[in-house]
Amino acid sequence: MASRLLESVSRRTFLQSTAALSAGLTTALLVPRPGYAQPKTLKILQWNHSIPGYDKWFSDTYVKAWGDKYNTQVIVDTIGLAGLNSRAAAEVSAQKGHDLLMFLWPPPMYEDHVIDHREIYEECQRKHGKPIDLAIKSTYNPKTKKYYGFSDSYMPDVIHYRRDLWDDVGLYPDSWDDIRNGGKKIKQKHNIPVGIGLASEIDTNMAMRAILYTFGASEQDAAGNPALKSKETLEALKFIKALYEDTMTDEVFTWDVSSNNRLMLAGTGSLALNAISITREGEKQKLPVAENLWLAKAAKGPVRRIGLEHVMDVYVIWKFADNIEGAKQFLVDYIDNFKQAFLASEYYNFPCFPQTVPELKDLLAYDPQSKPTDKYKILEDSEAWVTNIGYPGYANVAIDEIFSTWVISSMGALVASGKLSPEDAMNQADHEVKRIFKKWKDKGKI
């Protein structure tokens, strides 16, 4: 199966290729053997993908072929991003649910309720080489030595910008200073703001951390000790306040997870941070603004160029799952066939095992549905500038709680709105960070 799927495939031959996949997986199962086992069941829960074509490929092509091969009825349920945490909590409470559940961020809080996913990583590494460091730092607890999840893919949190507006003011959003200066000029000249959230939602969480990290600040150090209180954090917060005052409007304080998408697709924003769902949606709808929506790498700060993964796909297998072995096999086979997933996602899902998409750079360099056709080439070295939640350490359970309770995004919003000074907001957030770290250290998780 793997050799068939890893042949060189272009986007134009994708549909033919997936049809061949289905045929190849099912041929051997047309004639039942004596004593043929009763079908098993594998239940999967994951989000409604931003690229609808991915869900169609996954459920209608890949999953059906895999189920035929393994005599397994695969049930795929999808849910909106906002419902993932509550659904996971409900399944843990009931000790019953899906065999595989996919989060869009590291879920270390569920470490005690999941299997150790080490052997899945080991088998995939044996076949495809080492996974990227981002995957390990998003699924491994160095304190307990347990892999609390398995990551197949990530999506860079890239800069989307209106090239016509930025060309008009003679700037390019390569650094955070460029974003502030160019965004200010565009707002003054065209009354079009920058769209970076300052609310309790995931995009704000990522953007605030990107700014902190580029200024040399972070919630923790590489050893997993709280480290938010610093002169670097103060400088980052002062910048966040100036960025808001110079380039944005107060609507960013009440944004939801899709607000920046709507702003950019309506042509009423000059810049946003997001996955490529913005550009892909513009292309599909043939919106007038689409050709002017361009991409840039994560912005440079005073210390480094770095950005977050916009989403980090992390599958978990519950200890109480009915089909643990089937879930393990599914993940190993999915990595074998990851090139098909990359194509079906329209370059949204980047591989955590790079050897599964060896021609990634060639594919990104020419995409016939985008204008220009090399619009996505900017993503070819994303592994070098994308990092995990909790940088420079691991995505541990304390970081997870800080992330899910909006400590960092709230800190930025309080400063930008003028409700607290940078010093007071930092001290308030630092107190909460230290409290959370102590709680989990006392429990032996960090």
Protein backbone atom coordinates (compact mmCIF):
# COMPACT_ATOMS: atom_id res chain seq x y z
CA MET A 1 0.00 0.00 0.00
CA ALA A 2 2.69 2.48 0.97
CA SER A 3 4.60 2.14 -2.29
CA ARG A 4 1.47 2.87 -4.29
CA LEU A 5 0.75 5.99 -2.27
CA LEU A 6 4.23 7.41 -2.22
CA GLU A 7 4.52 7.64 -6.00
CA SER A 8 5.03 11.17 -7.30
CA VAL A 9 1.63 12.83 -7.51
CA SER A 10 0.64 16.29 -8.65
CA ARG A 11 -2.51 18.09 -7.67
CA ARG A 12 -3.89 17.45 -11.14
CA THR A 13 -3.62 13.69 -10.72
CA PHE A 14 -4.83 13.64 -7.12
CA LEU A 15 -8.34 12.35 -7.77
CA GLN A 16 -7.09 9.56 -10.01
CA SER A 17 -4.53 8.65 -7.38
CA THR A 18 -7.04 8.41 -4.55
CA ALA A 19 -9.32 6.28 -6.71
CA ALA A 20 -6.43 3.90 -7.27
CA LEU A 21 -5.80 3.86 -3.53
CA SER A 22 -9.33 2.69 -2.84
CA ALA A 23 -9.14 0.00 -5.48
CA GLY A 24 -5.75 -1.22 -4.33
CA LEU A 25 -6.79 -1.53 -0.70
CA THR A 26 -10.02 -3.39 -1.38
CA THR A 27 -9.06 -5.87 -4.11
CA ALA A 28 -7.70 -8.48 -1.72
CA LEU A 29 -10.88 -8.45 0.35
CA LEU A 30 -13.42 -9.23 -2.35
CA VAL A 31 -13.54 -12.97 -1.57
CA PRO A 32 -14.13 -13.81 2.11
CA ARG A 33 -11.99 -16.54 3.61
CA PRO A 34 -13.45 -19.46 5.60
CA GLY A 35 -13.96 -18.42 9.17
CA TYR A 36 -13.73 -14.76 8.20
CA ALA A 37 -13.80 -12.63 11.34
CA GLN A 38 -16.71 -10.39 12.15
CA PRO A 39 -16.03 -6.73 11.29
CA LYS A 40 -14.49 -4.63 14.03
CA THR A 41 -15.30 -0.97 14.68
CA LEU A 42 -13.00 2.04 14.92
CA LYS A 43 -14.47 5.34 16.08
CA ILE A 44 -12.71 8.63 15.27
CA LEU A 45 -13.56 12.17 16.34
CA GLN A 46 -11.88 15.20 14.78
CA TRP A 47 -12.64 18.78 13.81
CA ASN A 48 -14.47 20.04 10.77
CA HIS A 49 -11.42 20.78 8.64
CA SER A 50 -10.99 24.30 7.26
CA ILE A 51 -10.55 22.73 3.82
CA PRO A 52 -13.81 20.83 3.11
CA GLY A 53 -12.13 18.72 0.45
CA TYR A 54 -9.94 17.16 3.11
CA ASP A 55 -12.91 15.84 5.09
CA LYS A 56 -14.41 14.41 1.92
CA TRP A 57 -11.17 12.63 1.01
CA PHE A 58 -10.61 11.39 4.55
CA SER A 59 -14.11 9.99 5.14
CA ASP A 60 -15.20 8.99 1.64
CA THR A 61 -11.93 7.67 0.21
CA TYR A 62 -9.16 6.95 2.68
CA VAL A 63 -11.20 5.70 5.63
CA LYS A 64 -13.39 3.47 3.48
CA ALA A 65 -10.38 1.86 1.83
CA TRP A 66 -8.62 1.38 5.17
CA GLY A 67 -11.73 -0.15 6.72
CA ASP A 68 -12.09 -2.60 3.83
CA LYS A 69 -8.48 -3.68 4.19
CA TYR A 70 -8.77 -4.35 7.92
CA ASN A 71 -12.36 -5.61 7.96
CA THR A 72 -13.26 -2.67 10.17
CA GLN A 73 -16.23 -0.34 10.19
CA VAL A 74 -14.70 3.11 10.65
CA ILE A 75 -17.02 5.76 12.04
CA VAL A 76 -15.78 9.35 11.61
CA ASP A 77 -17.49 12.09 13.58
CA THR A 78 -16.55 15.73 13.15
CA ILE A 79 -17.07 18.70 15.43
CA GLY A 80 -16.35 22.42 15.44
CA LEU A 81 -13.11 23.59 16.99
CA ALA A 82 -14.90 25.16 19.96
CA GLY A 83 -16.46 21.86 20.97
CA LEU A 84 -13.33 19.72 21.11
CA ASN A 85 -12.38 20.33 24.73
CA SER A 86 -15.87 19.80 26.14
CA ARG A 87 -16.35 16.63 24.10
CA ALA A 88 -13.02 15.23 25.28
CA ALA A 89 -13.87 16.04 28.89
CA ALA A 90 -17.23 14.30 28.54
CA GLU A 91 -15.64 11.14 27.16
CA VAL A 92 -13.09 11.04 29.97
CA SER A 93 -15.83 11.56 32.53
CA ALA A 94 -17.88 8.73 31.06
CA GLN A 95 -14.77 6.57 30.37
CA LYS A 96 -16.35 5.83 27.03
CA GLY A 97 -16.25 7.38 23.61
CA HIS A 98 -14.08 7.36 20.52
CA ASP A 99 -11.01 5.23 19.96
CA LEU A 100 -9.15 8.15 18.36
CA LEU A 101 -9.73 11.80 19.19
CA MET A 102 -7.83 14.56 17.43
CA PHE A 103 -7.04 17.82 19.19
CA LEU A 104 -5.80 20.97 17.44
CA TRP A 105 -3.33 21.72 20.21
CA PRO A 106 -1.23 19.66 22.63
CA PRO A 107 -3.48 18.00 25.28
CA PRO A 108 -1.09 17.07 28.15
CA MET A 109 -3.90 17.46 30.70
CA TYR A 110 -5.23 14.09 29.52
CA GLU A 111 -1.94 12.23 30.04
CA ASP A 112 -3.38 9.90 32.69
CA HIS A 113 -6.29 8.92 30.45
CA VAL A 114 -4.39 7.99 27.29
CA ILE A 115 -2.03 5.23 26.27
CA ASP A 116 1.68 5.85 25.76
CA HIS A 117 1.97 6.58 22.03
CA ARG A 118 5.69 5.81 21.95
CA GLU A 119 5.47 2.66 19.82
CA ILE A 120 3.49 4.52 17.14
CA TYR A 121 6.28 7.10 16.87
CA GLU A 122 8.89 4.35 16.84
CA GLU A 123 7.21 2.44 14.02
CA CYS A 124 6.70 5.58 11.94
CA GLN A 125 10.31 6.63 12.54
CA ARG A 126 11.51 3.18 11.47
CA LYS A 127 9.67 3.58 8.18
CA HIS A 128 9.99 7.31 7.50
CA GLY A 129 12.82 8.75 9.56
CA LYS A 130 12.68 11.05 12.55
CA PRO A 131 9.68 13.30 13.19
CA ILE A 132 10.27 17.03 13.48
CA ASP A 133 11.12 18.44 16.90
CA LEU A 134 7.84 20.38 16.91
CA ALA A 135 5.89 17.10 17.03
CA ILE A 136 7.87 15.72 19.97
CA LYS A 137 7.69 18.94 21.98
CA SER A 138 3.92 18.93 21.45
CA THR A 139 3.29 15.33 22.57
CA TYR A 140 6.00 14.23 25.03
CA ASN A 141 6.36 14.75 28.76
CA PRO A 142 10.08 14.66 29.68
CA LYS A 143 9.18 14.38 33.38
CA THR A 144 7.10 11.19 33.07
CA LYS A 145 8.77 9.97 29.84
CA LYS A 146 5.36 9.43 28.29
CA TYR A 147 4.06 10.35 24.84
CA TYR A 148 0.58 11.63 25.67
CA GLY A 149 -0.36 11.98 21.99
CA PHE A 150 0.77 11.48 18.44
CA SER A 151 1.09 14.33 15.96
CA ASP A 152 0.80 13.75 12.24
CA SER A 153 0.80 17.37 11.06
CA TYR A 154 0.86 21.07 11.82
CA MET A 155 -0.06 24.29 10.04
CA PRO A 156 2.16 27.38 10.22
CA ASP A 157 0.61 30.58 11.57
CA VAL A 158 1.59 32.80 8.66
CA ILE A 159 1.15 36.48 7.90
CA HIS A 160 -1.61 37.31 5.42
CA TYR A 161 -1.37 40.80 3.98
CA ARG A 162 -3.00 42.98 1.34
CA ARG A 163 -0.12 43.42 -1.08
CA ASP A 164 -1.76 46.34 -2.88
CA LEU A 165 -1.97 48.31 0.38
CA TRP A 166 1.52 47.43 1.55
CA ASP A 167 3.03 48.25 -1.85
CA ASP A 168 1.21 51.57 -1.71
CA VAL A 169 3.09 52.57 1.46
CA GLY A 170 6.35 51.03 0.28
CA LEU A 171 6.74 48.44 3.02
CA TYR A 172 6.74 44.65 3.43
CA PRO A 173 5.68 42.92 6.70
CA ASP A 174 8.94 41.13 7.43
CA SER A 175 9.33 42.24 11.05
CA TRP A 176 7.04 43.37 13.85
CA ASP A 177 8.41 46.88 13.46
CA ASP A 178 7.45 46.72 9.78
CA ILE A 179 3.95 45.59 10.73
CA ARG A 180 3.55 48.48 13.14
CA ASN A 181 4.98 51.09 10.79
CA GLY A 182 3.27 49.86 7.64
CA GLY A 183 0.00 49.15 9.41
CA LYS A 184 -0.02 52.68 10.83
CA LYS A 185 0.55 54.26 7.40
CA ILE A 186 -2.16 52.14 5.79
CA LYS A 187 -4.65 52.95 8.54
CA GLN A 188 -3.91 56.68 8.24
CA LYS A 189 -4.11 56.69 4.45
CA HIS A 190 -6.85 54.15 3.75
CA ASN A 191 -8.61 53.75 7.12
CA ILE A 192 -7.99 49.98 6.93
CA PRO A 193 -6.64 48.40 10.15
CA VAL A 194 -4.39 45.50 11.03
CA GLY A 195 -6.42 42.53 12.28
CA ILE A 196 -4.63 40.82 15.18
CA GLY A 197 -6.92 39.68 17.97
CA LEU A 198 -6.83 40.78 21.59
CA ALA A 199 -9.58 38.48 22.81
CA SER A 200 -10.06 35.14 24.54
CA GLU A 201 -9.71 32.99 21.43
CA ILE A 202 -7.08 30.76 19.88
CA ASP A 203 -5.75 33.16 17.21
CA THR A 204 -5.05 35.78 19.88
CA ASN A 205 -3.32 33.12 21.97
CA MET A 206 -0.98 32.37 19.08
CA ALA A 207 -0.32 35.99 18.08
CA MET A 208 0.51 37.15 21.62
CA ARG A 209 2.95 34.29 22.06
CA ALA A 210 4.57 35.00 18.70
CA ILE A 211 5.29 38.56 19.81
CA LEU A 212 6.59 37.44 23.20
CA TYR A 213 8.88 34.83 21.68
CA THR A 214 10.33 37.20 19.09
CA PHE A 215 11.18 39.64 21.88
CA GLY A 216 12.99 36.89 23.81
CA ALA A 217 10.21 36.38 26.36
CA SER A 218 8.28 33.21 27.19
CA GLU A 219 6.05 31.63 29.82
CA GLN A 220 8.78 29.14 30.76
CA ASP A 221 12.44 28.45 30.17
CA ALA A 222 13.88 25.44 28.35
CA ALA A 223 13.95 23.42 31.59
CA GLY A 224 10.25 24.00 32.26
CA ASN A 225 10.50 26.68 34.95
CA PRO A 226 8.17 29.71 34.95
CA ALA A 227 9.92 32.67 33.33
CA LEU A 228 7.27 35.20 32.30
CA LYS A 229 8.46 38.05 34.51
CA SER A 230 11.32 39.68 32.61
CA LYS A 231 12.41 42.87 30.89
CA GLU A 232 11.77 41.12 27.57
CA THR A 233 8.11 40.56 28.49
CA LEU A 234 7.80 44.23 29.44
CA GLU A 235 9.19 45.33 26.09
CA ALA A 236 6.85 42.96 24.26
CA LEU A 237 3.85 44.34 26.14
CA LYS A 238 4.84 47.92 25.37
CA PHE A 239 5.03 46.94 21.72
CA ILE A 240 1.60 45.26 21.83
CA LYS A 241 0.09 48.46 23.22
CA ALA A 242 1.74 50.58 20.51
CA LEU A 243 0.71 48.10 17.78
CA TYR A 244 -2.92 48.31 18.88
CA GLU A 245 -2.96 52.09 19.22
CA ASP A 246 -1.22 52.69 15.87
CA THR A 247 -2.80 50.08 13.64
CA MET A 248 -5.99 48.53 15.05
CA THR A 249 -9.54 49.25 16.18
CA ASP A 250 -11.32 48.21 19.35
CA GLU A 251 -13.27 45.43 17.62
CA VAL A 252 -10.25 43.14 18.18
CA PHE A 253 -11.14 42.94 21.90
CA THR A 254 -14.32 40.98 21.11
CA TRP A 255 -13.14 38.82 18.22
CA ASP A 256 -13.97 35.16 17.76
CA VAL A 257 -11.87 32.52 16.03
CA SER A 258 -13.00 33.46 12.51
CA SER A 259 -13.07 37.26 12.83
CA ASN A 260 -9.69 37.78 11.15
CA ASN A 261 -10.78 35.53 8.27
CA ARG A 262 -13.88 37.63 7.70
CA LEU A 263 -11.95 40.89 7.95
CA MET A 264 -9.38 39.90 5.33
CA LEU A 265 -11.86 38.26 2.93
CA ALA A 266 -14.07 41.33 3.08
CA GLY A 267 -11.09 43.45 2.05
CA THR A 268 -11.35 45.53 5.22
CA GLY A 269 -8.09 44.45 6.87
CA SER A 270 -4.49 45.07 5.89
CA LEU A 271 -2.88 42.14 7.73
CA ALA A 272 -3.72 39.12 9.89
CA LEU A 273 -2.09 35.98 11.30
CA ASN A 274 -3.75 32.72 10.39
CA ALA A 275 -3.48 29.40 8.63
CA ILE A 276 -3.89 29.41 4.84
CA SER A 277 -7.65 29.00 5.22
CA ILE A 278 -7.95 32.74 4.42
CA THR A 279 -6.23 32.54 1.05
CA ARG A 280 -7.84 29.22 0.15
CA GLU A 281 -11.32 30.53 0.88
CA GLY A 282 -10.65 33.63 -1.20
CA GLU A 283 -9.54 31.46 -4.11
CA LYS A 284 -12.54 29.16 -3.88
CA GLN A 285 -15.03 32.01 -3.75
CA LYS A 286 -13.15 33.93 -6.46
CA LEU A 287 -13.36 37.04 -4.29
CA PRO A 288 -12.06 40.32 -5.74
CA VAL A 289 -9.55 40.63 -2.90
CA ALA A 290 -8.07 37.14 -3.41
CA GLU A 291 -5.29 38.08 -5.83
CA ASN A 292 -4.07 40.76 -3.43
CA LEU A 293 -3.93 38.41 -0.44
CA TRP A 294 -0.29 37.37 -0.12
CA LEU A 295 1.66 35.44 2.50
CA ALA A 296 4.78 36.20 4.54
CA LYS A 297 6.81 34.20 7.03
CA ALA A 298 6.42 34.67 10.75
CA ALA A 299 7.70 38.14 11.62
CA LYS A 300 11.10 38.95 13.08
CA GLY A 301 11.42 40.61 16.44
CA PRO A 302 14.38 42.12 18.28
CA VAL A 303 15.70 38.65 19.20
CA ARG A 304 14.50 36.15 16.57
CA ARG A 305 12.10 35.30 13.77
CA ILE A 306 9.60 32.82 15.14
CA GLY A 307 5.91 32.03 15.00
CA LEU A 308 3.50 29.46 16.35
CA GLU A 309 1.87 26.52 14.69
CA HIS A 310 -1.63 27.73 13.94
CA VAL A 311 -2.98 24.28 14.66
CA MET A 312 -1.13 21.21 15.90
CA ASP A 313 -2.96 18.02 14.98
CA VAL A 314 -2.56 15.65 17.93
CA TYR A 315 -4.37 12.32 18.02
CA VAL A 316 -4.90 10.56 21.34
CA ILE A 317 -5.94 6.98 22.01
CA TRP A 318 -7.88 6.70 25.24
CA LYS A 319 -6.99 3.96 27.71
CA PHE A 320 -10.68 3.09 27.72
CA ALA A 321 -10.91 2.85 23.91
CA ASP A 322 -12.58 -0.31 22.59
CA ASN A 323 -10.13 -0.75 19.71
CA ILE A 324 -6.69 0.38 20.86
CA GLU A 325 -4.77 -1.85 18.46
CA GLY A 326 -6.87 -0.74 15.50
CA ALA A 327 -6.30 2.90 16.44
CA LYS A 328 -2.54 2.36 16.55
CA GLN A 329 -2.57 0.67 13.15
CA PHE A 330 -4.69 3.45 11.69
CA LEU A 331 -2.17 6.12 12.69
CA VAL A 332 0.81 4.17 11.35
CA ASP A 333 -0.95 3.60 8.02
CA TYR A 334 -2.07 7.22 7.85
CA ILE A 335 1.55 8.36 8.07
CA ASP A 336 2.44 5.86 5.34
CA ASN A 337 -0.09 7.67 3.16
CA PHE A 338 0.43 11.20 4.40
CA LYS A 339 1.25 12.64 1.00
CA GLN A 340 -2.37 12.07 0.01
CA ALA A 341 -3.47 13.92 3.15
CA PHE A 342 -1.19 16.85 2.34
CA LEU A 343 -2.66 17.12 -1.14
CA ALA A 344 -6.24 16.69 0.04
CA SER A 345 -5.71 19.46 2.62
CA GLU A 346 -4.51 21.77 -0.17
CA TYR A 347 -1.19 22.27 1.65
CA TYR A 348 -2.87 22.98 4.99
CA ASN A 349 -1.56 19.89 6.82
CA PHE A 350 2.25 19.96 6.90
CA PRO A 351 3.97 16.64 7.65
CA CYS A 352 5.52 15.89 11.02
CA PHE A 353 7.46 13.17 9.20
CA PRO A 354 9.01 15.18 6.34
CA GLN A 355 10.08 12.15 4.30
CA THR A 356 6.42 11.31 3.65
CA VAL A 357 6.20 14.32 1.30
CA PRO A 358 9.66 14.41 -0.29
CA GLU A 359 8.63 16.81 -3.07
CA LEU A 360 6.96 19.30 -0.72
CA LYS A 361 9.03 22.24 -1.99
CA ASP A 362 8.17 21.46 -5.62
CA LEU A 363 4.46 21.26 -4.81
CA LEU A 364 4.52 24.56 -2.92
CA ALA A 365 6.41 26.24 -5.76
CA TYR A 366 3.58 25.66 -8.23
CA ASP A 367 -0.08 25.68 -7.26
CA PRO A 368 -2.35 26.14 -10.28
CA GLN A 369 -5.32 27.47 -8.31
CA SER A 370 -3.43 30.36 -6.72
CA LYS A 371 -2.34 33.67 -8.24
CA PRO A 372 0.58 33.85 -8.44
CA THR A 373 1.14 30.13 -8.74
CA ASP A 374 4.07 30.27 -6.29
CA LYS A 375 2.08 32.03 -3.55
CA TYR A 376 2.62 29.14 -1.12
CA LYS A 377 6.36 28.81 -1.73
CA ILE A 378 6.89 31.03 1.32
CA LEU A 379 5.96 28.02 3.47
CA GLU A 380 8.73 25.73 2.22
CA ASP A 381 11.05 26.37 5.20
CA SER A 382 8.32 26.76 7.83
CA GLU A 383 9.88 24.09 10.02
CA ALA A 384 12.72 26.54 10.68
CA TRP A 385 10.49 29.31 12.06
CA VAL A 386 7.46 27.55 13.53
CA THR A 387 7.51 26.50 17.18
CA ASN A 388 5.31 24.93 19.82
CA ILE A 389 3.20 26.32 22.60
CA GLY A 390 5.56 26.49 25.59
CA TYR A 391 8.70 27.41 23.63
CA PRO A 392 11.57 26.98 24.44
CA GLY A 393 10.39 24.07 26.58
CA TYR A 394 7.78 21.36 26.03
CA ALA A 395 4.03 21.80 25.84
CA ASN A 396 3.47 20.58 29.38
CA VAL A 397 0.30 20.51 31.43
CA ALA A 398 1.01 23.89 33.07
CA ILE A 399 1.42 25.49 29.64
CA ASP A 400 -1.83 23.81 28.58
CA GLU A 401 -3.73 25.37 31.48
CA ILE A 402 -2.18 28.79 30.84
CA PHE A 403 -3.19 28.46 27.20
CA SER A 404 -6.77 27.31 27.85
CA THR A 405 -7.46 29.96 30.50
CA TRP A 406 -6.25 32.82 28.28
CA VAL A 407 -3.60 34.11 30.69
CA ILE A 408 -1.30 35.47 27.97
CA SER A 409 -3.98 36.87 25.65
CA SER A 410 -5.68 38.56 28.62
CA MET A 411 -2.36 40.10 29.66
CA GLY A 412 -1.94 41.62 26.20
CA ALA A 413 -5.53 42.89 26.11
CA LEU A 414 -5.29 44.54 29.52
CA VAL A 415 -2.20 46.47 28.43
CA ALA A 416 -3.48 47.41 24.97
CA SER A 417 -6.78 48.68 26.37
CA GLY A 418 -5.01 50.73 29.03
CA LYS A 419 -6.72 48.91 31.88
CA LEU A 420 -3.35 47.93 33.37
CA SER A 421 0.19 49.15 32.92
CA PRO A 422 2.65 46.72 31.30
CA GLU A 423 4.28 46.16 34.71
CA ASP A 424 1.00 45.47 36.52
CA ALA A 425 -0.32 43.20 33.76
CA MET A 426 2.93 41.25 33.69
CA ASN A 427 2.98 40.86 37.47
CA GLN A 428 -0.64 39.71 37.52
CA ALA A 429 -0.03 37.15 34.78
CA ASP A 430 3.25 36.04 36.34
CA HIS A 431 1.47 35.34 39.63
CA GLU A 432 -1.02 33.13 37.81
CA VAL A 433 1.69 31.37 35.80
CA LYS A 434 3.65 30.53 38.94
CA ARG A 435 0.52 29.30 40.72
CA ILE A 436 -0.31 26.97 37.82
CA PHE A 437 3.24 25.65 37.57
CA LYS A 438 3.38 24.94 41.32
CA LYS A 439 0.09 23.05 41.18
CA TRP A 440 1.31 20.72 38.46
CA LYS A 441 4.79 20.37 39.89
CA ASP A 442 3.27 19.25 43.17
CA LYS A 443 1.34 16.61 41.20
CA GLY A 444 4.56 15.33 39.62
CA LYS A 445 3.64 16.25 36.06
CA ILE A 446 6.39 18.81 35.42
